[in-house]
N, C-alpha and C. Protein backbone atom coordinates (compact mmCIF):
# COMPACT_ATOMS: atom_id res chain seq x y z
N MET A 1 24.16 -56.63 -58.32
CA MET A 1 22.30 -56.64 -58.69
C MET A 1 21.52 -57.52 -58.74
N ASN A 2 20.42 -57.61 -57.48
CA ASN A 2 19.75 -58.98 -56.93
C ASN A 2 19.01 -59.50 -58.24
N GLN A 3 18.56 -60.49 -57.97
CA GLN A 3 17.95 -60.98 -59.25
C GLN A 3 16.20 -60.77 -59.12
N GLU A 4 16.05 -59.97 -58.10
CA GLU A 4 14.50 -59.62 -58.77
C GLU A 4 14.38 -58.27 -59.28
N ILE A 5 15.54 -57.70 -59.04
CA ILE A 5 16.28 -56.05 -60.18
C ILE A 5 16.34 -56.53 -61.73
N LEU A 6 17.25 -57.43 -61.40
CA LEU A 6 17.71 -58.17 -63.32
C LEU A 6 16.29 -58.57 -63.40
N GLU A 7 15.29 -59.62 -63.24
CA GLU A 7 14.03 -60.09 -63.57
C GLU A 7 13.11 -58.63 -64.01
N GLN A 8 13.13 -57.61 -63.58
CA GLN A 8 12.65 -56.83 -63.58
C GLN A 8 12.88 -56.20 -64.74
N LEU A 9 13.76 -55.52 -65.02
CA LEU A 9 14.94 -55.66 -66.15
C LEU A 9 14.79 -55.82 -67.21
N GLN A 10 14.57 -57.27 -67.19
CA GLN A 10 14.55 -58.69 -68.28
C GLN A 10 12.84 -58.43 -68.45
N TYR A 11 12.30 -58.69 -67.65
CA TYR A 11 10.44 -58.56 -68.33
C TYR A 11 9.91 -57.72 -67.73
N PRO A 12 10.26 -56.07 -67.70
CA PRO A 12 9.41 -55.14 -67.58
C PRO A 12 7.72 -54.83 -67.38
N ILE A 13 6.80 -55.83 -68.59
CA ILE A 13 5.56 -56.05 -68.31
C ILE A 13 5.61 -57.34 -67.67
N GLY A 14 6.20 -58.32 -67.18
CA GLY A 14 5.87 -59.10 -66.76
C GLY A 14 5.89 -59.77 -68.14
N LYS A 15 6.40 -61.58 -67.01
CA LYS A 15 6.11 -62.73 -67.98
C LYS A 15 4.86 -62.75 -69.42
N PHE A 16 4.90 -63.34 -70.19
CA PHE A 16 4.15 -64.01 -71.20
C PHE A 16 2.39 -64.99 -70.29
N ASP A 17 1.83 -64.38 -70.34
CA ASP A 17 0.60 -65.37 -70.18
C ASP A 17 -0.07 -66.04 -70.86
N TRP A 18 0.42 -67.49 -70.43
CA TRP A 18 0.01 -68.67 -71.40
C TRP A 18 -1.67 -68.67 -71.39
N ASN A 19 -2.36 -68.35 -70.44
CA ASN A 19 -3.56 -68.55 -69.98
C ASN A 19 -4.58 -67.94 -70.56
N GLU A 20 -3.87 -66.60 -71.51
CA GLU A 20 -4.22 -65.49 -71.83
C GLU A 20 -5.68 -66.22 -72.48
N GLU A 21 -7.23 -64.72 -72.59
CA GLU A 21 -8.06 -66.07 -73.56
C GLU A 21 -7.58 -65.24 -74.37
N ARG A 22 -8.25 -65.74 -75.26
CA ARG A 22 -8.63 -66.20 -76.79
C ARG A 22 -9.21 -66.20 -77.85
N SER A 23 -10.68 -65.18 -77.02
CA SER A 23 -11.35 -64.78 -77.70
C SER A 23 -11.48 -64.10 -79.05
N PRO A 24 -12.03 -63.81 -79.35
CA PRO A 24 -11.95 -63.31 -80.78
C PRO A 24 -11.42 -62.07 -80.88
N LYS A 25 -12.30 -60.79 -79.75
CA LYS A 25 -12.01 -59.84 -79.53
C LYS A 25 -10.96 -59.75 -79.14
N VAL A 26 -9.86 -60.74 -78.34
CA VAL A 26 -8.67 -60.20 -77.80
C VAL A 26 -7.75 -60.61 -78.83
N LEU A 27 -8.49 -61.53 -79.88
CA LEU A 27 -7.47 -61.67 -80.83
C LEU A 27 -7.53 -60.46 -82.05
N GLU A 28 -8.48 -59.85 -81.93
CA GLU A 28 -8.73 -58.28 -82.51
C GLU A 28 -7.92 -57.97 -82.14
N ASN A 29 -7.56 -57.64 -81.10
CA ASN A 29 -6.98 -56.75 -79.92
C ASN A 29 -5.31 -56.62 -80.38
N ALA A 30 -5.03 -58.02 -80.14
CA ALA A 30 -3.98 -58.43 -80.49
C ALA A 30 -3.16 -57.92 -82.03
N ILE A 31 -4.31 -58.27 -82.80
CA ILE A 31 -3.84 -57.47 -83.98
C ILE A 31 -3.45 -55.91 -84.40
N ALA A 32 -4.39 -55.38 -83.80
CA ALA A 32 -4.38 -54.33 -83.65
C ALA A 32 -2.86 -53.48 -83.01
N LYS A 33 -2.44 -54.30 -81.69
CA LYS A 33 -1.36 -54.29 -81.13
C LYS A 33 -0.11 -54.31 -82.39
N LEU A 34 -0.07 -55.31 -83.32
CA LEU A 34 0.89 -55.92 -84.15
C LEU A 34 0.68 -54.77 -85.60
N LYS A 35 -0.37 -53.62 -85.44
CA LYS A 35 -0.27 -52.86 -86.63
C LYS A 35 -0.41 -51.44 -86.09
N ASN A 36 0.33 -51.64 -85.11
CA ASN A 36 0.41 -50.17 -84.26
C ASN A 36 2.10 -50.04 -83.74
N PHE A 37 2.56 -51.21 -83.61
CA PHE A 37 3.25 -51.49 -82.95
C PHE A 37 4.94 -50.19 -83.73
N PRO A 38 4.90 -50.66 -85.67
CA PRO A 38 5.98 -49.76 -86.29
C PRO A 38 6.20 -48.64 -86.27
N VAL A 39 4.62 -48.06 -85.39
CA VAL A 39 4.83 -46.64 -85.67
C VAL A 39 5.25 -46.33 -84.27
N GLU A 40 4.58 -47.10 -83.18
CA GLU A 40 5.32 -46.61 -81.93
C GLU A 40 6.48 -46.49 -81.78
N LEU A 41 7.22 -47.66 -81.78
CA LEU A 41 8.80 -47.97 -81.98
C LEU A 41 9.07 -47.09 -82.62
N ASN A 42 9.05 -46.53 -84.26
CA ASN A 42 9.46 -45.06 -84.62
C ASN A 42 9.61 -44.07 -83.74
N LYS A 43 8.07 -43.98 -83.18
CA LYS A 43 7.79 -42.36 -82.10
C LYS A 43 9.48 -42.67 -80.67
N THR A 44 9.62 -43.93 -81.07
CA THR A 44 10.72 -44.05 -79.84
C THR A 44 11.97 -43.72 -79.72
N VAL A 45 12.25 -44.50 -80.96
CA VAL A 45 13.43 -44.55 -81.19
C VAL A 45 14.48 -43.62 -82.41
N VAL A 46 13.08 -43.12 -83.92
CA VAL A 46 13.58 -42.60 -84.78
C VAL A 46 15.19 -41.36 -84.03
N SER A 47 14.47 -40.18 -83.02
CA SER A 47 15.92 -39.36 -83.44
C SER A 47 17.25 -39.70 -82.47
N LEU A 48 17.49 -40.78 -81.94
CA LEU A 48 17.83 -41.24 -80.49
C LEU A 48 19.01 -41.29 -81.28
N PRO A 49 20.36 -40.95 -80.70
CA PRO A 49 21.85 -40.69 -81.08
C PRO A 49 22.44 -42.15 -80.56
N GLU A 50 23.35 -41.48 -81.80
CA GLU A 50 24.21 -43.50 -81.76
C GLU A 50 24.43 -43.87 -80.21
N SER A 51 24.86 -43.24 -79.48
CA SER A 51 25.27 -43.08 -77.80
C SER A 51 24.10 -43.66 -76.84
N VAL A 52 22.88 -43.98 -77.33
CA VAL A 52 21.85 -44.20 -76.71
C VAL A 52 21.78 -45.66 -77.36
N LEU A 53 21.51 -45.51 -78.37
CA LEU A 53 21.53 -47.21 -79.19
C LEU A 53 22.02 -48.29 -79.07
N LEU A 54 23.47 -47.59 -78.64
CA LEU A 54 24.44 -47.87 -77.92
C LEU A 54 24.09 -48.74 -76.37
N HIS A 55 23.88 -48.30 -75.58
CA HIS A 55 23.28 -48.13 -74.34
C HIS A 55 22.07 -49.71 -74.09
N ARG A 56 22.39 -50.71 -73.43
CA ARG A 56 21.57 -51.61 -73.33
C ARG A 56 20.19 -51.97 -72.09
N TYR A 57 19.64 -52.72 -72.56
CA TYR A 57 18.09 -52.36 -71.61
C TYR A 57 18.37 -53.00 -70.20
N ARG A 58 19.88 -54.09 -70.08
CA ARG A 58 19.82 -54.32 -68.63
C ARG A 58 21.65 -55.03 -68.76
N PRO A 59 22.07 -55.31 -67.93
CA PRO A 59 23.31 -55.85 -67.33
C PRO A 59 23.98 -57.45 -68.08
N GLY A 60 24.63 -57.09 -69.18
CA GLY A 60 24.58 -59.12 -70.30
C GLY A 60 23.64 -58.40 -71.48
N GLY A 61 22.71 -57.62 -71.70
CA GLY A 61 21.13 -57.73 -72.34
C GLY A 61 22.15 -56.87 -73.78
N TRP A 62 20.72 -56.99 -74.57
CA TRP A 62 21.38 -56.15 -76.06
C TRP A 62 21.31 -54.63 -75.70
N THR A 63 21.88 -53.96 -76.75
CA THR A 63 21.81 -53.07 -77.03
C THR A 63 20.51 -52.13 -77.77
N ILE A 64 19.85 -50.68 -77.48
CA ILE A 64 19.11 -50.99 -78.23
C ILE A 64 19.24 -51.00 -79.43
N ALA A 65 20.02 -51.20 -80.27
CA ALA A 65 20.03 -51.52 -82.20
C ALA A 65 20.20 -52.78 -82.08
N GLN A 66 20.63 -53.76 -80.99
CA GLN A 66 20.47 -55.40 -81.38
C GLN A 66 18.62 -55.50 -81.16
N VAL A 67 18.17 -54.86 -79.92
CA VAL A 67 16.66 -55.22 -79.40
C VAL A 67 15.99 -54.54 -80.82
N ILE A 68 16.24 -53.91 -81.90
CA ILE A 68 15.56 -53.01 -82.84
C ILE A 68 15.45 -54.56 -83.79
N HIS A 69 16.87 -54.72 -84.20
CA HIS A 69 17.25 -55.52 -85.43
C HIS A 69 16.47 -57.29 -85.03
N HIS A 70 16.12 -57.28 -83.84
CA HIS A 70 16.22 -58.67 -83.07
C HIS A 70 15.49 -58.90 -83.28
N ILE A 71 13.93 -57.35 -83.02
CA ILE A 71 12.67 -57.73 -83.59
C ILE A 71 12.11 -57.90 -84.81
N ALA A 72 12.99 -57.25 -86.12
CA ALA A 72 13.06 -58.01 -87.39
C ALA A 72 13.41 -59.36 -87.69
N ASP A 73 13.90 -59.47 -86.94
CA ASP A 73 14.43 -61.41 -87.34
C ASP A 73 13.19 -61.73 -86.59
N SER A 74 12.74 -61.89 -85.59
CA SER A 74 11.81 -62.06 -84.82
C SER A 74 10.48 -62.59 -85.21
N HIS A 75 10.45 -61.65 -86.01
CA HIS A 75 9.13 -61.34 -86.63
C HIS A 75 9.29 -61.23 -87.85
N MET A 76 10.06 -61.40 -88.40
CA MET A 76 10.35 -62.04 -89.69
C MET A 76 9.65 -64.11 -89.48
N HIS A 77 10.66 -64.22 -88.32
CA HIS A 77 10.29 -66.14 -88.15
C HIS A 77 8.93 -65.39 -87.77
N SER A 78 8.57 -65.48 -87.11
CA SER A 78 7.07 -65.81 -87.10
C SER A 78 5.98 -64.97 -87.80
N TYR A 79 6.73 -64.19 -88.53
CA TYR A 79 5.48 -64.17 -89.62
C TYR A 79 5.28 -65.29 -90.65
N LEU A 80 6.28 -65.97 -91.31
CA LEU A 80 6.60 -67.45 -92.06
C LEU A 80 6.42 -67.84 -91.14
N ARG A 81 6.33 -68.29 -90.18
CA ARG A 81 5.32 -69.21 -89.55
C ARG A 81 3.95 -69.63 -89.38
N PHE A 82 3.65 -68.68 -89.38
CA PHE A 82 1.94 -68.37 -89.05
C PHE A 82 1.61 -69.05 -90.51
N LYS A 83 2.38 -68.28 -92.09
CA LYS A 83 1.99 -69.02 -93.22
C LYS A 83 1.77 -70.62 -93.25
N HIS A 84 3.22 -70.93 -92.98
CA HIS A 84 3.45 -72.69 -93.01
C HIS A 84 2.21 -73.55 -92.24
N ALA A 85 1.56 -72.90 -90.87
CA ALA A 85 0.55 -73.44 -90.17
C ALA A 85 -0.80 -73.01 -90.67
N VAL A 86 -0.77 -71.82 -91.56
CA VAL A 86 -2.49 -72.27 -92.71
C VAL A 86 -2.48 -73.11 -93.47
N LEU A 87 -0.68 -72.95 -94.12
CA LEU A 87 -0.37 -73.88 -95.66
C LEU A 87 -0.58 -74.78 -95.59
N GLU A 88 0.70 -75.31 -94.06
CA GLU A 88 0.58 -77.28 -94.04
C GLU A 88 0.19 -77.62 -92.61
N ASP A 89 0.15 -79.06 -92.45
CA ASP A 89 -0.09 -79.64 -91.77
C ASP A 89 0.15 -79.69 -90.21
N THR A 90 -0.07 -78.95 -89.73
CA THR A 90 1.61 -78.78 -87.70
C THR A 90 2.74 -79.02 -88.84
N PRO A 91 3.75 -78.28 -89.50
CA PRO A 91 4.32 -78.25 -89.56
C PRO A 91 5.51 -77.92 -88.57
N ALA A 92 6.73 -78.88 -88.30
CA ALA A 92 7.86 -78.18 -87.55
C ALA A 92 8.57 -77.03 -88.50
N ILE A 93 9.32 -75.95 -86.77
CA ILE A 93 9.78 -75.14 -87.56
C ILE A 93 10.93 -75.03 -87.70
N LYS A 94 11.89 -74.56 -88.10
CA LYS A 94 13.24 -73.95 -88.03
C LYS A 94 13.56 -73.31 -86.46
N ASP A 95 14.46 -73.76 -86.05
CA ASP A 95 14.44 -72.49 -84.63
C ASP A 95 15.71 -71.56 -85.07
N TYR A 96 15.89 -70.81 -84.24
CA TYR A 96 17.06 -70.08 -84.56
C TYR A 96 17.99 -69.50 -83.41
N GLU A 97 19.21 -69.37 -82.76
CA GLU A 97 19.48 -69.13 -81.84
C GLU A 97 19.11 -67.35 -82.02
N GLU A 98 18.38 -66.88 -81.17
CA GLU A 98 19.38 -65.23 -81.47
C GLU A 98 20.13 -64.57 -80.77
N SER A 99 21.19 -65.20 -80.03
CA SER A 99 22.42 -64.61 -79.08
C SER A 99 22.68 -64.41 -80.78
N LYS A 100 23.23 -65.53 -81.16
CA LYS A 100 24.02 -65.76 -82.28
C LYS A 100 23.65 -64.83 -83.63
N TRP A 101 22.63 -64.50 -84.35
CA TRP A 101 21.79 -63.43 -85.28
C TRP A 101 22.32 -62.07 -84.76
N ALA A 102 22.20 -61.85 -83.52
CA ALA A 102 22.23 -60.53 -82.69
C ALA A 102 24.05 -60.11 -82.62
N ASN A 103 24.46 -61.16 -82.91
CA ASN A 103 25.93 -60.60 -82.65
C ASN A 103 26.34 -60.23 -84.37
N LEU A 104 25.61 -60.90 -85.80
CA LEU A 104 25.74 -61.31 -86.13
C LEU A 104 25.87 -58.79 -87.21
N THR A 105 26.71 -59.22 -88.34
CA THR A 105 26.76 -57.38 -88.04
C THR A 105 25.65 -56.65 -89.15
N ASP A 106 24.76 -57.29 -89.09
CA ASP A 106 23.46 -56.69 -89.98
C ASP A 106 22.45 -56.49 -88.64
N ALA A 107 22.93 -57.23 -87.56
CA ALA A 107 21.94 -56.90 -86.19
C ALA A 107 22.66 -56.87 -84.99
N SER A 108 23.86 -56.23 -85.23
CA SER A 108 24.81 -55.42 -83.89
C SER A 108 25.18 -54.10 -84.55
N ASN A 109 24.97 -53.15 -85.24
CA ASN A 109 25.41 -51.69 -85.71
C ASN A 109 24.22 -51.44 -85.40
N THR A 110 24.58 -49.62 -85.05
CA THR A 110 23.86 -48.64 -85.16
C THR A 110 22.80 -48.25 -86.45
N GLU A 111 23.11 -48.63 -87.51
CA GLU A 111 21.90 -48.40 -88.43
C GLU A 111 20.55 -48.79 -87.80
N ILE A 112 19.52 -48.22 -87.60
CA ILE A 112 18.63 -49.06 -87.55
C ILE A 112 17.31 -48.57 -88.81
N ASP A 113 17.59 -47.96 -89.22
CA ASP A 113 16.46 -47.14 -90.46
C ASP A 113 16.07 -48.33 -91.39
N TYR A 114 16.86 -49.24 -91.45
CA TYR A 114 16.81 -50.62 -92.48
C TYR A 114 16.17 -51.36 -91.45
N SER A 115 16.39 -52.03 -90.96
CA SER A 115 14.44 -52.86 -89.59
C SER A 115 13.92 -52.03 -89.65
N LEU A 116 13.76 -50.68 -89.13
CA LEU A 116 12.14 -50.06 -88.72
C LEU A 116 11.83 -50.77 -90.54
N ASN A 117 12.03 -49.82 -91.29
CA ASN A 117 12.28 -50.04 -92.56
C ASN A 117 10.99 -51.19 -92.76
N LEU A 118 11.90 -52.60 -92.47
CA LEU A 118 11.21 -53.68 -92.50
C LEU A 118 10.71 -54.08 -91.73
N ILE A 119 10.93 -53.55 -90.46
CA ILE A 119 9.34 -54.02 -89.45
C ILE A 119 8.39 -53.34 -89.96
N ALA A 120 8.10 -52.26 -90.55
CA ALA A 120 6.97 -51.80 -90.51
C ALA A 120 6.37 -52.33 -92.01
N ALA A 121 7.07 -53.07 -92.71
CA ALA A 121 6.29 -53.24 -94.33
C ALA A 121 5.76 -54.17 -93.78
N LEU A 122 6.67 -55.62 -93.23
CA LEU A 122 6.78 -56.61 -92.93
C LEU A 122 5.25 -56.54 -91.84
N HIS A 123 5.10 -56.05 -90.73
CA HIS A 123 3.06 -56.41 -89.96
C HIS A 123 2.51 -55.30 -91.33
N TYR A 124 3.13 -54.32 -91.88
CA TYR A 124 1.64 -54.15 -92.83
C TYR A 124 1.36 -55.91 -93.45
N ARG A 125 1.99 -56.31 -93.70
CA ARG A 125 1.87 -57.45 -94.84
C ARG A 125 0.88 -58.79 -93.89
N TRP A 126 1.82 -58.59 -92.17
CA TRP A 126 1.45 -59.41 -91.35
C TRP A 126 0.11 -59.62 -90.74
N VAL A 127 -0.52 -58.15 -90.90
CA VAL A 127 -1.46 -57.65 -90.72
C VAL A 127 -2.36 -57.73 -91.09
N LEU A 128 -2.37 -57.65 -92.58
CA LEU A 128 -2.86 -58.02 -93.40
C LEU A 128 -3.47 -59.12 -93.74
N PHE A 129 -2.34 -60.75 -93.82
CA PHE A 129 -2.58 -62.17 -93.45
C PHE A 129 -3.59 -62.23 -92.53
N LEU A 130 -3.16 -61.62 -91.48
CA LEU A 130 -4.05 -62.26 -89.73
C LEU A 130 -5.48 -61.44 -90.01
N LYS A 131 -5.71 -60.26 -90.48
CA LYS A 131 -7.35 -60.06 -90.67
C LYS A 131 -8.04 -61.15 -91.47
N ASN A 132 -7.11 -61.76 -93.07
CA ASN A 132 -8.41 -62.81 -92.79
C ASN A 132 -8.29 -63.88 -92.71
N LEU A 133 -7.58 -64.16 -92.53
CA LEU A 133 -7.71 -65.16 -91.05
C LEU A 133 -9.17 -65.62 -90.28
N SER A 134 -9.81 -67.06 -90.44
CA SER A 134 -10.71 -67.29 -89.83
C SER A 134 -10.76 -68.36 -88.85
N GLN A 135 -11.32 -68.07 -87.20
CA GLN A 135 -10.99 -68.91 -86.85
C GLN A 135 -10.78 -70.52 -86.11
N GLU A 136 -11.57 -70.75 -86.98
CA GLU A 136 -10.34 -72.21 -87.24
C GLU A 136 -9.05 -71.93 -88.03
N ASP A 137 -8.99 -71.46 -88.91
CA ASP A 137 -6.92 -70.90 -88.94
C ASP A 137 -6.30 -70.41 -87.75
N PHE A 138 -6.74 -69.85 -86.92
CA PHE A 138 -5.55 -69.66 -85.56
C PHE A 138 -5.75 -70.34 -84.51
N LYS A 139 -6.64 -71.80 -84.92
CA LYS A 139 -6.43 -73.45 -84.10
C LYS A 139 -5.46 -73.79 -84.66
N LYS A 140 -4.91 -73.76 -85.81
CA LYS A 140 -3.52 -74.23 -86.41
C LYS A 140 -2.71 -74.18 -85.70
N SER A 141 -1.80 -74.71 -85.83
CA SER A 141 0.04 -74.95 -85.09
C SER A 141 0.63 -74.84 -85.82
N TYR A 142 2.04 -74.87 -85.50
CA TYR A 142 2.77 -75.56 -85.21
C TYR A 142 3.85 -76.09 -85.05
N TYR A 143 5.27 -77.13 -84.35
CA TYR A 143 5.62 -78.32 -83.45
C TYR A 143 6.98 -77.12 -84.10
N HIS A 144 7.57 -76.45 -82.49
CA HIS A 144 8.41 -76.23 -82.42
C HIS A 144 9.43 -77.52 -81.74
N PRO A 145 10.21 -78.29 -82.90
CA PRO A 145 11.09 -79.46 -82.20
C PRO A 145 12.21 -79.17 -81.44
N GLU A 146 12.31 -78.06 -81.47
CA GLU A 146 13.93 -77.88 -79.95
C GLU A 146 12.76 -77.57 -78.64
N ARG A 147 11.67 -77.21 -78.47
CA ARG A 147 11.04 -77.18 -77.37
C ARG A 147 9.65 -78.72 -77.61
N SER A 148 9.93 -79.09 -78.51
CA SER A 148 8.38 -80.21 -78.30
C SER A 148 7.36 -79.98 -77.63
N LYS A 149 6.73 -78.94 -78.29
CA LYS A 149 5.87 -77.80 -78.11
C LYS A 149 5.61 -77.58 -79.77
N HIS A 150 3.48 -77.40 -79.80
CA HIS A 150 2.67 -77.76 -80.45
C HIS A 150 2.43 -75.29 -80.19
N TYR A 151 2.38 -75.34 -80.63
CA TYR A 151 2.04 -73.12 -80.58
C TYR A 151 0.66 -73.30 -82.09
N PRO A 152 -0.26 -73.33 -81.63
CA PRO A 152 -1.46 -72.39 -82.12
C PRO A 152 -1.14 -70.88 -82.63
N LEU A 153 -1.72 -70.97 -83.56
CA LEU A 153 -1.41 -69.57 -83.89
C LEU A 153 -2.02 -68.88 -82.46
N ASP A 154 -3.21 -69.16 -82.24
CA ASP A 154 -4.57 -67.35 -81.41
C ASP A 154 -3.46 -67.43 -80.92
N VAL A 155 -2.44 -68.80 -79.65
CA VAL A 155 -1.42 -67.98 -78.74
C VAL A 155 -0.40 -67.44 -79.40
N THR A 156 0.04 -67.80 -80.69
CA THR A 156 1.06 -67.22 -81.39
C THR A 156 0.82 -65.94 -80.99
N LEU A 157 0.14 -65.27 -81.85
CA LEU A 157 -0.16 -64.57 -82.36
C LEU A 157 -0.55 -63.25 -80.84
N LEU A 158 -1.27 -64.04 -79.81
CA LEU A 158 -1.01 -63.41 -78.54
C LEU A 158 0.64 -62.79 -78.07
N ILE A 159 1.50 -64.28 -78.14
CA ILE A 159 2.98 -63.91 -78.21
C ILE A 159 3.30 -62.67 -78.19
N TYR A 160 3.30 -62.71 -79.97
CA TYR A 160 3.77 -61.77 -80.11
C TYR A 160 3.23 -60.16 -80.22
N ALA A 161 2.28 -59.91 -80.25
CA ALA A 161 1.51 -58.62 -79.33
C ALA A 161 1.99 -58.51 -78.13
N TRP A 162 2.87 -59.50 -77.41
CA TRP A 162 3.01 -59.46 -75.89
C TRP A 162 4.86 -58.33 -76.27
N HIS A 163 5.15 -59.40 -77.10
CA HIS A 163 7.04 -59.80 -77.53
C HIS A 163 6.60 -58.13 -78.16
N GLY A 164 6.30 -57.53 -78.83
CA GLY A 164 6.22 -55.98 -79.08
C GLY A 164 6.59 -55.05 -78.23
N GLU A 165 5.51 -55.29 -77.65
CA GLU A 165 5.42 -54.44 -75.97
C GLU A 165 6.68 -54.76 -75.18
N HIS A 166 7.04 -55.85 -75.13
CA HIS A 166 7.89 -56.60 -74.10
C HIS A 166 8.95 -55.41 -74.56
N HIS A 167 9.63 -55.96 -76.24
CA HIS A 167 10.30 -55.39 -76.47
C HIS A 167 11.04 -53.71 -76.00
N LEU A 168 9.35 -53.25 -76.38
CA LEU A 168 9.83 -51.69 -76.46
C LEU A 168 9.68 -50.93 -75.03
N ALA A 169 8.94 -51.60 -73.94
CA ALA A 169 9.33 -51.54 -73.01
C ALA A 169 11.08 -51.88 -72.46
N HIS A 170 11.71 -52.95 -73.44
CA HIS A 170 12.95 -52.91 -72.79
C HIS A 170 13.70 -51.17 -73.02
N ILE A 171 13.01 -51.16 -74.77
CA ILE A 171 14.08 -49.73 -75.03
C ILE A 171 13.83 -48.10 -74.38
N LYS A 172 12.62 -48.49 -73.82
CA LYS A 172 11.80 -46.91 -73.22
C LYS A 172 12.89 -47.06 -71.76
N ASN A 173 13.18 -48.03 -71.70
CA ASN A 173 14.10 -48.18 -69.97
C ASN A 173 15.03 -47.80 -69.94
N ALA A 174 15.87 -48.35 -71.37
CA ALA A 174 17.49 -48.14 -71.56
C ALA A 174 17.39 -46.22 -72.15
N ILE A 175 16.35 -45.91 -72.87
CA ILE A 175 16.64 -44.53 -72.93
C ILE A 175 16.59 -43.81 -71.97
N LYS A 176 15.86 -44.21 -70.80
CA LYS A 176 15.65 -43.09 -69.69
C LYS A 176 17.36 -43.33 -68.72
N LYS A 177 17.87 -44.39 -69.34
CA LYS A 177 18.54 -44.74 -67.86
C LYS A 177 19.87 -43.59 -69.16
N ALA A 178 19.79 -43.68 -70.32
CA ALA A 178 21.00 -43.33 -70.58
C ALA A 178 20.57 -41.61 -70.58
N TYR A 179 19.27 -40.88 -70.75
CA TYR A 179 19.54 -39.55 -70.33
C TYR A 179 20.05 -38.70 -68.31
């Protein structure tokens, strides 16, 4: 498979735009995406049989089930990073190896209900938290030591709004291929 096709499979909605505008309206739209994401995800995967949940979105990629479990793991990390950034002065965050987490038993099986429930509850709390942040709060950041990079919360919000859409596109593409 050529590199262009693999990149399209890996980034079906394109790569994250680090230069995206961060106006209050753009941030409000990103919060709305996080709010709606669990409903969209559930509608997409709720009735999938196990054989489809085991389908990979690209060669060497995760199964649909692993993507769902990854979203739960990733978004939990982000939610906690937001809280640390608001409550502490530029905290250094702990990284995690996504691929290793994706291979643990709780993230590599086809039981997805518990991750879907977790994502729904998490996003409810995350959105409640985000809606009560000030514009000053969104300028706060955390430090990612492994990447030697600061992540302002306004950028991080946009990353995770993109992240949900990115993986939803992976799942939808994998479903199309499975049928």
